[in-house]
Amino acid sequence: MNFTAREFRILDLLIERHGRVQTRERLRARRGDEDADVSERAIAPHIKRLREKLGPAAPWLETVRGIGGRFRDPGDHPTADTLPP
């Protein structure tokens, strides 16, 4: 897997704070755009590409609608019953 620097920074934050929801604003700041006039919605394409690159591990990356995202807690094993639609 080859991540861009921005994707890596986002993934690093999500894993570092696993199990806890991170706001789009916090993800945007980690992405390196805290001083730029960039929409918080600009995070979505990065999350989408991260999921594609994570392949079978993609279900561990969860979007929390209207807030941001989280990397599931290691004790929260995703199964077919708990995966987002």
PDB file of N, CA and C in Angstrom:
ATOM      1  N   MET A   1       0.831  -1.181   0.000  1.00  0.00           N
ATOM      2  CA  MET A   1       0.000   0.000   0.000  1.00  0.00           C
ATOM      3  C   MET A   1       0.873   1.239   0.000  1.00  0.00           C
ATOM      4  N   ASN A   2       0.576   2.115  -0.881  1.00  0.00           N
ATOM      5  CA  ASN A   2       1.269   3.392  -0.936  1.00  0.00           C
ATOM      6  C   ASN A   2       0.286   4.492  -0.579  1.00  0.00           C
ATOM      7  N   PHE A   3       0.528   5.141   0.552  1.00  0.00           N
ATOM      8  CA  PHE A   3      -0.322   6.233   0.991  1.00  0.00           C
ATOM      9  C   PHE A   3       0.343   7.552   0.661  1.00  0.00           C
ATOM     10  N   THR A   4      -0.479   8.562   0.333  1.00  0.00           N
ATOM     11  CA  THR A   4       0.066   9.907   0.203  1.00  0.00           C
ATOM     12  C   THR A   4       0.362  10.396   1.618  1.00  0.00           C
ATOM     13  N   ALA A   5       1.117  11.467   1.724  1.00  0.00           N
ATOM     14  CA  ALA A   5       1.444  12.009   3.044  1.00  0.00           C
ATOM     15  C   ALA A   5       0.173  12.407   3.788  1.00  0.00           C
ATOM     16  N   ARG A   6      -0.773  12.991   3.093  1.00  0.00           N
ATOM     17  CA  ARG A   6      -2.024  13.402   3.745  1.00  0.00           C
ATOM     18  C   ARG A   6      -2.826  12.197   4.198  1.00  0.00           C
ATOM     19  N   GLU A   7      -2.928  11.187   3.358  1.00  0.00           N
ATOM     20  CA  GLU A   7      -3.653   9.970   3.749  1.00  0.00           C
ATOM     21  C   GLU A   7      -2.999   9.342   4.978  1.00  0.00           C
ATOM     22  N   PHE A   8      -1.680   9.305   4.972  1.00  0.00           N
ATOM     23  CA  PHE A   8      -0.965   8.711   6.096  1.00  0.00           C
ATOM     24  C   PHE A   8      -1.232   9.479   7.381  1.00  0.00           C
ATOM     25  N   ARG A   9      -1.226  10.813   7.317  1.00  0.00           N
ATOM     26  CA  ARG A   9      -1.474  11.616   8.519  1.00  0.00           C
ATOM     27  C   ARG A   9      -2.879  11.363   9.062  1.00  0.00           C
ATOM     28  N   ILE A  10      -3.855  11.247   8.168  1.00  0.00           N
ATOM     29  CA  ILE A  10      -5.231  10.967   8.596  1.00  0.00           C
ATOM     30  C   ILE A  10      -5.302   9.586   9.241  1.00  0.00           C
ATOM     31  N   LEU A  11      -4.767   8.596   8.562  1.00  0.00           N
ATOM     32  CA  LEU A  11      -4.798   7.224   9.080  1.00  0.00           C
ATOM     33  C   LEU A  11      -4.057   7.130  10.408  1.00  0.00           C
ATOM     34  N   ASP A  12      -2.939   7.814  10.524  1.00  0.00           N
ATOM     35  CA  ASP A  12      -2.157   7.822  11.753  1.00  0.00           C
ATOM     36  C   ASP A  12      -2.992   8.348  12.921  1.00  0.00           C
ATOM     37  N   LEU A  13      -3.711   9.436  12.712  1.00  0.00           N
ATOM     38  CA  LEU A  13      -4.558   9.995  13.764  1.00  0.00           C
ATOM     39  C   LEU A  13      -5.674   9.024  14.139  1.00  0.00           C
ATOM     40  N   LEU A  14      -6.321   8.453  13.135  1.00  0.00           N
ATOM     41  CA  LEU A  14      -7.432   7.542  13.402  1.00  0.00           C
ATOM     42  C   LEU A  14      -6.967   6.308  14.182  1.00  0.00           C
ATOM     43  N   ILE A  15      -5.815   5.779  13.831  1.00  0.00           N
ATOM     44  CA  ILE A  15      -5.297   4.601  14.538  1.00  0.00           C
ATOM     45  C   ILE A  15      -4.825   4.994  15.933  1.00  0.00           C
ATOM     46  N   GLU A  16      -4.138   6.126  16.020  1.00  0.00           N
ATOM     47  CA  GLU A  16      -3.639   6.607  17.312  1.00  0.00           C
ATOM     48  C   GLU A  16      -4.786   6.791  18.309  1.00  0.00           C
ATOM     49  N   ARG A  17      -5.918   7.248  17.826  1.00  0.00           N
ATOM     50  CA  ARG A  17      -7.074   7.513  18.689  1.00  0.00           C
ATOM     51  C   ARG A  17      -8.190   6.503  18.415  1.00  0.00           C
ATOM     52  N   HIS A  18      -7.793   5.251  18.133  1.00  0.00           N
ATOM     53  CA  HIS A  18      -8.745   4.207  17.748  1.00  0.00           C
ATOM     54  C   HIS A  18      -9.926   4.119  18.710  1.00  0.00           C
ATOM     55  N   GLY A  19     -11.069   3.861  18.130  1.00  0.00           N
ATOM     56  CA  GLY A  19     -12.290   3.726  18.906  1.00  0.00           C
ATOM     57  C   GLY A  19     -12.979   5.035  19.211  1.00  0.00           C
ATOM     58  N   ARG A  20     -12.279   6.148  19.038  1.00  0.00           N
ATOM     59  CA  ARG A  20     -12.862   7.461  19.319  1.00  0.00           C
ATOM     60  C   ARG A  20     -13.136   8.199  18.018  1.00  0.00           C
ATOM     61  N   VAL A  21     -14.296   8.781  17.910  1.00  0.00           N
ATOM     62  CA  VAL A  21     -14.677   9.515  16.709  1.00  0.00           C
ATOM     63  C   VAL A  21     -13.848  10.785  16.617  1.00  0.00           C
ATOM     64  N   GLN A  22     -13.297  11.028  15.429  1.00  0.00           N
ATOM     65  CA  GLN A  22     -12.526  12.237  15.151  1.00  0.00           C
ATOM     66  C   GLN A  22     -13.340  13.127  14.224  1.00  0.00           C
ATOM     67  N   THR A  23     -13.487  14.387  14.577  1.00  0.00           N
ATOM     68  CA  THR A  23     -14.268  15.297  13.753  1.00  0.00           C
ATOM     69  C   THR A  23     -13.553  15.580  12.434  1.00  0.00           C
ATOM     70  N   ARG A  24     -14.330  16.001  11.453  1.00  0.00           N
ATOM     71  CA  ARG A  24     -13.727  16.380  10.170  1.00  0.00           C
ATOM     72  C   ARG A  24     -12.728  17.504  10.374  1.00  0.00           C
ATOM     73  N   GLU A  25     -13.027  18.415  11.300  1.00  0.00           N
ATOM     74  CA  GLU A  25     -12.111  19.528  11.569  1.00  0.00           C
ATOM     75  C   GLU A  25     -10.764  19.013  12.072  1.00  0.00           C
ATOM     76  N   ARG A  26     -10.787  18.057  12.999  1.00  0.00           N
ATOM     77  CA  ARG A  26      -9.537  17.496  13.532  1.00  0.00           C
ATOM     78  C   ARG A  26      -8.775  16.746  12.435  1.00  0.00           C
ATOM     79  N   LEU A  27      -9.519  16.002  11.608  1.00  0.00           N
ATOM     80  CA  LEU A  27      -8.881  15.275  10.513  1.00  0.00           C
ATOM     81  C   LEU A  27      -8.280  16.238   9.500  1.00  0.00           C
ATOM     82  N   ARG A  28      -8.987  17.321   9.257  1.00  0.00           N
ATOM     83  CA  ARG A  28      -8.482  18.332   8.320  1.00  0.00           C
ATOM     84  C   ARG A  28      -7.202  18.947   8.860  1.00  0.00           C
ATOM     85  N   ALA A  29      -7.172  19.212  10.160  1.00  0.00           N
ATOM     86  CA  ALA A  29      -5.967  19.789  10.762  1.00  0.00           C
ATOM     87  C   ALA A  29      -4.802  18.815  10.651  1.00  0.00           C
ATOM     88  N   ARG A  30      -5.040  17.538  10.907  1.00  0.00           N
ATOM     89  CA  ARG A  30      -3.975  16.538  10.801  1.00  0.00           C
ATOM     90  C   ARG A  30      -3.529  16.387   9.353  1.00  0.00           C
ATOM     91  N   ARG A  31      -4.477  16.594   8.446  1.00  0.00           N
ATOM     92  CA  ARG A  31      -4.166  16.470   7.030  1.00  0.00           C
ATOM     93  C   ARG A  31      -3.148  17.526   6.615  1.00  0.00           C
ATOM     94  N   GLY A  32      -3.078  18.606   7.373  1.00  0.00           N
ATOM     95  CA  GLY A  32      -2.099  19.637   7.064  1.00  0.00           C
ATOM     96  C   GLY A  32      -2.709  20.895   6.487  1.00  0.00           C
ATOM     97  N   ASP A  33      -4.032  21.035   6.620  1.00  0.00           N
ATOM     98  CA  ASP A  33      -4.720  22.186   6.024  1.00  0.00           C
ATOM     99  C   ASP A  33      -5.292  23.131   7.070  1.00  0.00           C
ATOM    100  N   GLU A  34      -4.771  23.091   8.284  1.00  0.00           N
ATOM    101  CA  GLU A  34      -5.363  23.896   9.331  1.00  0.00           C
ATOM    102  C   GLU A  34      -5.338  25.393   9.034  1.00  0.00           C
ATOM    103  N   ASP A  35      -4.383  25.852   8.245  1.00  0.00           N
ATOM    104  CA  ASP A  35      -4.300  27.269   7.924  1.00  0.00           C
ATOM    105  C   ASP A  35      -4.914  27.598   6.576  1.00  0.00           C
ATOM    106  N   ALA A  36      -5.256  26.586   5.826  1.00  0.00           N
ATOM    107  CA  ALA A  36      -5.800  26.809   4.485  1.00  0.00           C
ATOM    108  C   ALA A  36      -7.306  26.989   4.545  1.00  0.00           C
ATOM    109  N   ASP A  37      -7.837  27.686   3.550  1.00  0.00           N
ATOM    110  CA  ASP A  37      -9.280  27.865   3.431  1.00  0.00           C
ATOM    111  C   ASP A  37      -9.828  26.674   2.646  1.00  0.00           C
ATOM    112  N   VAL A  38      -9.898  25.533   3.319  1.00  0.00           N
ATOM    113  CA  VAL A  38     -10.313  24.286   2.691  1.00  0.00           C
ATOM    114  C   VAL A  38     -11.519  23.756   3.438  1.00  0.00           C
ATOM    115  N   SER A  39     -12.517  23.341   2.690  1.00  0.00           N
ATOM    116  CA  SER A  39     -13.728  22.793   3.281  1.00  0.00           C
ATOM    117  C   SER A  39     -13.424  21.518   4.061  1.00  0.00           C
ATOM    118  N   GLU A  40     -14.147  21.358   5.177  1.00  0.00           N
ATOM    119  CA  GLU A  40     -14.002  20.124   5.943  1.00  0.00           C
ATOM    120  C   GLU A  40     -14.469  18.930   5.118  1.00  0.00           C
ATOM    121  N   ARG A  41     -15.306  19.154   4.142  1.00  0.00           N
ATOM    122  CA  ARG A  41     -15.798  18.079   3.289  1.00  0.00           C
ATOM    123  C   ARG A  41     -14.683  17.534   2.384  1.00  0.00           C
ATOM    124  N   ALA A  42     -13.570  18.221   2.321  1.00  0.00           N
ATOM    125  CA  ALA A  42     -12.450  17.758   1.509  1.00  0.00           C
ATOM    126  C   ALA A  42     -11.826  16.500   2.094  1.00  0.00           C
ATOM    127  N   ILE A  43     -12.220  16.118   3.291  1.00  0.00           N
ATOM    128  CA  ILE A  43     -11.700  14.910   3.935  1.00  0.00           C
ATOM    129  C   ILE A  43     -12.279  13.663   3.274  1.00  0.00           C
ATOM    130  N   ALA A  44     -13.524  13.722   2.831  1.00  0.00           N
ATOM    131  CA  ALA A  44     -14.224  12.556   2.283  1.00  0.00           C
ATOM    132  C   ALA A  44     -13.432  11.833   1.183  1.00  0.00           C
ATOM    133  N   PRO A  45     -12.872  12.529   0.210  1.00  0.00           N
ATOM    134  CA  PRO A  45     -12.109  11.810  -0.821  1.00  0.00           C
ATOM    135  C   PRO A  45     -10.895  11.069  -0.264  1.00  0.00           C
ATOM    136  N   HIS A  46     -10.275  11.625   0.751  1.00  0.00           N
ATOM    137  CA  HIS A  46      -9.124  10.959   1.364  1.00  0.00           C
ATOM    138  C   HIS A  46      -9.557   9.682   2.071  1.00  0.00           C
ATOM    139  N   ILE A  47     -10.674   9.755   2.784  1.00  0.00           N
ATOM    140  CA  ILE A  47     -11.199   8.576   3.469  1.00  0.00           C
ATOM    141  C   ILE A  47     -11.564   7.502   2.448  1.00  0.00           C
ATOM    142  N   LYS A  48     -12.180   7.919   1.363  1.00  0.00           N
ATOM    143  CA  LYS A  48     -12.568   6.962   0.313  1.00  0.00           C
ATOM    144  C   LYS A  48     -11.334   6.246  -0.252  1.00  0.00           C
ATOM    145  N   ARG A  49     -10.288   7.008  -0.548  1.00  0.00           N
ATOM    146  CA  ARG A  49      -9.067   6.406  -1.088  1.00  0.00           C
ATOM    147  C   ARG A  49      -8.387   5.510  -0.047  1.00  0.00           C
ATOM    148  N   LEU A  50      -8.440   5.915   1.215  1.00  0.00           N
ATOM    149  CA  LEU A  50      -7.877   5.068   2.266  1.00  0.00           C
ATOM    150  C   LEU A  50      -8.590   3.723   2.309  1.00  0.00           C
ATOM    151  N   ARG A  51      -9.915   3.746   2.219  1.00  0.00           N
ATOM    152  CA  ARG A  51     -10.671   2.493   2.231  1.00  0.00           C
ATOM    153  C   ARG A  51     -10.260   1.606   1.052  1.00  0.00           C
ATOM    154  N   GLU A  52     -10.121   2.209  -0.119  1.00  0.00           N
ATOM    155  CA  GLU A  52      -9.724   1.441  -1.305  1.00  0.00           C
ATOM    156  C   GLU A  52      -8.346   0.812  -1.098  1.00  0.00           C
ATOM    157  N   LYS A  53      -7.441   1.567  -0.517  1.00  0.00           N
ATOM    158  CA  LYS A  53      -6.077   1.084  -0.326  1.00  0.00           C
ATOM    159  C   LYS A  53      -5.987   0.055   0.802  1.00  0.00           C
ATOM    160  N   LEU A  54      -6.867   0.153   1.786  1.00  0.00           N
ATOM    161  CA  LEU A  54      -6.839  -0.789   2.904  1.00  0.00           C
ATOM    162  C   LEU A  54      -7.398  -2.149   2.525  1.00  0.00           C
ATOM    163  N   GLY A  55      -8.127  -2.230   1.431  1.00  0.00           N
ATOM    164  CA  GLY A  55      -8.654  -3.505   0.949  1.00  0.00           C
ATOM    165  C   GLY A  55      -9.453  -4.239   2.010  1.00  0.00           C
ATOM    166  N   PRO A  56      -9.018  -5.468   2.385  1.00  0.00           N
ATOM    167  CA  PRO A  56      -9.771  -6.250   3.359  1.00  0.00           C
ATOM    168  C   PRO A  56      -9.855  -5.592   4.742  1.00  0.00           C
ATOM    169  N   ALA A  57      -8.970  -4.661   5.034  1.00  0.00           N
ATOM    170  CA  ALA A  57      -8.998  -3.974   6.328  1.00  0.00           C
ATOM    171  C   ALA A  57      -9.912  -2.749   6.312  1.00  0.00           C
ATOM    172  N   ALA A  58     -10.513  -2.443   5.174  1.00  0.00           N
ATOM    173  CA  ALA A  58     -11.359  -1.259   5.029  1.00  0.00           C
ATOM    174  C   ALA A  58     -12.492  -1.173   6.053  1.00  0.00           C
ATOM    175  N   PRO A  59     -13.123  -2.302   6.451  1.00  0.00           N
ATOM    176  CA  PRO A  59     -14.206  -2.198   7.428  1.00  0.00           C
ATOM    177  C   PRO A  59     -13.785  -1.626   8.781  1.00  0.00           C
ATOM    178  N   TRP A  60     -12.490  -1.609   9.067  1.00  0.00           N
ATOM    179  CA  TRP A  60     -12.026  -1.030  10.327  1.00  0.00           C
ATOM    180  C   TRP A  60     -12.127   0.497  10.304  1.00  0.00           C
ATOM    181  N   LEU A  61     -12.183   1.086   9.125  1.00  0.00           N
ATOM    182  CA  LEU A  61     -12.295   2.530   8.972  1.00  0.00           C
ATOM    183  C   LEU A  61     -13.766   2.874   8.835  1.00  0.00           C
ATOM    184  N   GLU A  62     -14.303   3.574   9.805  1.00  0.00           N
ATOM    185  CA  GLU A  62     -15.731   3.830   9.871  1.00  0.00           C
ATOM    186  C   GLU A  62     -16.028   5.322   9.730  1.00  0.00           C
ATOM    187  N   THR A  63     -17.004   5.661   8.911  1.00  0.00           N
ATOM    188  CA  THR A  63     -17.471   7.030   8.785  1.00  0.00           C
ATOM    189  C   THR A  63     -18.603   7.243   9.776  1.00  0.00           C
ATOM    190  N   VAL A  64     -18.552   8.352  10.494  1.00  0.00           N
ATOM    191  CA  VAL A  64     -19.630   8.721  11.406  1.00  0.00           C
ATOM    192  C   VAL A  64     -20.310   9.916  10.762  1.00  0.00           C
ATOM    193  N   ARG A  65     -21.446   9.641  10.180  1.00  0.00           N
ATOM    194  CA  ARG A  65     -22.158  10.629   9.364  1.00  0.00           C
ATOM    195  C   ARG A  65     -22.365  11.950  10.106  1.00  0.00           C
ATOM    196  N   GLY A  66     -22.014  13.026   9.408  1.00  0.00           N
ATOM    197  CA  GLY A  66     -22.191  14.364   9.942  1.00  0.00           C
ATOM    198  C   GLY A  66     -21.130  14.799  10.939  1.00  0.00           C
ATOM    199  N   ILE A  67     -20.217  13.887  11.304  1.00  0.00           N
ATOM    200  CA  ILE A  67     -19.201  14.237  12.300  1.00  0.00           C
ATOM    201  C   ILE A  67     -17.797  14.050  11.755  1.00  0.00           C
ATOM    202  N   GLY A  68     -17.462  12.843  11.345  1.00  0.00           N
ATOM    203  CA  GLY A  68     -16.104  12.554  10.888  1.00  0.00           C
ATOM    204  C   GLY A  68     -15.904  11.065  10.719  1.00  0.00           C
ATOM    205  N   GLY A  69     -14.960  10.518  11.437  1.00  0.00           N
ATOM    206  CA  GLY A  69     -14.688   9.098  11.289  1.00  0.00           C
ATOM    207  C   GLY A  69     -13.927   8.541  12.467  1.00  0.00           C
ATOM    208  N   ARG A  70     -13.749   7.221  12.453  1.00  0.00           N
ATOM    209  CA  ARG A  70     -12.974   6.566  13.493  1.00  0.00           C
ATOM    210  C   ARG A  70     -12.400   5.275  12.942  1.00  0.00           C
ATOM    211  N   PHE A  71     -11.351   4.830  13.574  1.00  0.00           N
ATOM    212  CA  PHE A  71     -10.799   3.507  13.316  1.00  0.00           C
ATOM    213  C   PHE A  71     -11.338   2.659  14.448  1.00  0.00           C
ATOM    214  N   ARG A  72     -12.043   1.602  14.108  1.00  0.00           N
ATOM    215  CA  ARG A  72     -12.687   0.779  15.130  1.00  0.00           C
ATOM    216  C   ARG A  72     -11.685   0.333  16.183  1.00  0.00           C
ATOM    217  N   ASP A  73     -12.167   0.223  17.392  1.00  0.00           N
ATOM    218  CA  ASP A  73     -11.357  -0.269  18.494  1.00  0.00           C
ATOM    219  C   ASP A  73     -10.993  -1.724  18.208  1.00  0.00           C
ATOM    220  N   PRO A  74      -9.766  -2.151  18.496  1.00  0.00           N
ATOM    221  CA  PRO A  74      -9.373  -3.536  18.220  1.00  0.00           C
ATOM    222  C   PRO A  74     -10.312  -4.573  18.837  1.00  0.00           C
ATOM    223  N   GLY A  75     -10.968  -4.249  19.949  1.00  0.00           N
ATOM    224  CA  GLY A  75     -11.908  -5.177  20.563  1.00  0.00           C
ATOM    225  C   GLY A  75     -13.258  -5.218  19.854  1.00  0.00           C
ATOM    226  N   ASP A  76     -13.473  -4.291  18.946  1.00  0.00           N
ATOM    227  CA  ASP A  76     -14.735  -4.165  18.220  1.00  0.00           C
ATOM    228  C   ASP A  76     -14.556  -4.798  16.845  1.00  0.00           C
ATOM    229  N   HIS A  77     -14.522  -6.108  16.801  1.00  0.00           N
ATOM    230  CA  HIS A  77     -14.255  -6.818  15.564  1.00  0.00           C
ATOM    231  C   HIS A  77     -15.416  -6.682  14.590  1.00  0.00           C
ATOM    232  N   PRO A  78     -15.185  -6.105  13.406  1.00  0.00           N
ATOM    233  CA  PRO A  78     -16.271  -5.970  12.449  1.00  0.00           C
ATOM    234  C   PRO A  78     -16.664  -7.342  11.899  1.00  0.00           C
ATOM    235  N   THR A  79     -17.939  -7.573  11.863  1.00  0.00           N
ATOM    236  CA  THR A  79     -18.479  -8.798  11.268  1.00  0.00           C
ATOM    237  C   THR A  79     -19.509  -8.392  10.238  1.00  0.00           C
ATOM    238  N   ALA A  80     -20.030  -9.348   9.510  1.00  0.00           N
ATOM    239  CA  ALA A  80     -21.044  -9.054   8.501  1.00  0.00           C
ATOM    240  C   ALA A  80     -22.245  -8.359   9.119  1.00  0.00           C
ATOM    241  N   ASP A  81     -22.562  -8.653  10.391  1.00  0.00           N
ATOM    242  CA  ASP A  81     -23.710  -8.048  11.057  1.00  0.00           C
ATOM    243  C   ASP A  81     -23.463  -6.607  11.483  1.00  0.00           C
ATOM    244  N   THR A  82     -22.198  -6.231  11.685  1.00  0.00           N
ATOM    245  CA  THR A  82     -21.916  -4.904  12.214  1.00  0.00           C
ATOM    246  C   THR A  82     -21.321  -3.949  11.186  1.00  0.00           C
ATOM    247  N   LEU A  83     -21.054  -4.420   9.996  1.00  0.00           N
ATOM    248  CA  LEU A  83     -20.460  -3.558   8.976  1.00  0.00           C
ATOM    249  C   LEU A  83     -21.478  -2.537   8.493  1.00  0.00           C
ATOM    250  N   PRO A  84     -21.016  -1.319   8.213  1.00  0.00           N
ATOM    251  CA  PRO A  84     -21.927  -0.305   7.692  1.00  0.00           C
ATOM    252  C   PRO A  84     -22.431  -0.721   6.305  1.00  0.00           C
ATOM    253  N   PRO A  85     -23.644  -0.302   5.938  1.00  0.00           N
ATOM    254  CA  PRO A  85     -24.196  -0.686   4.623  1.00  0.00           C
ATOM    255  C   PRO A  85     -23.404  -0.108   3.469  1.00  0.00           C
TER     256      PRO A  85
END
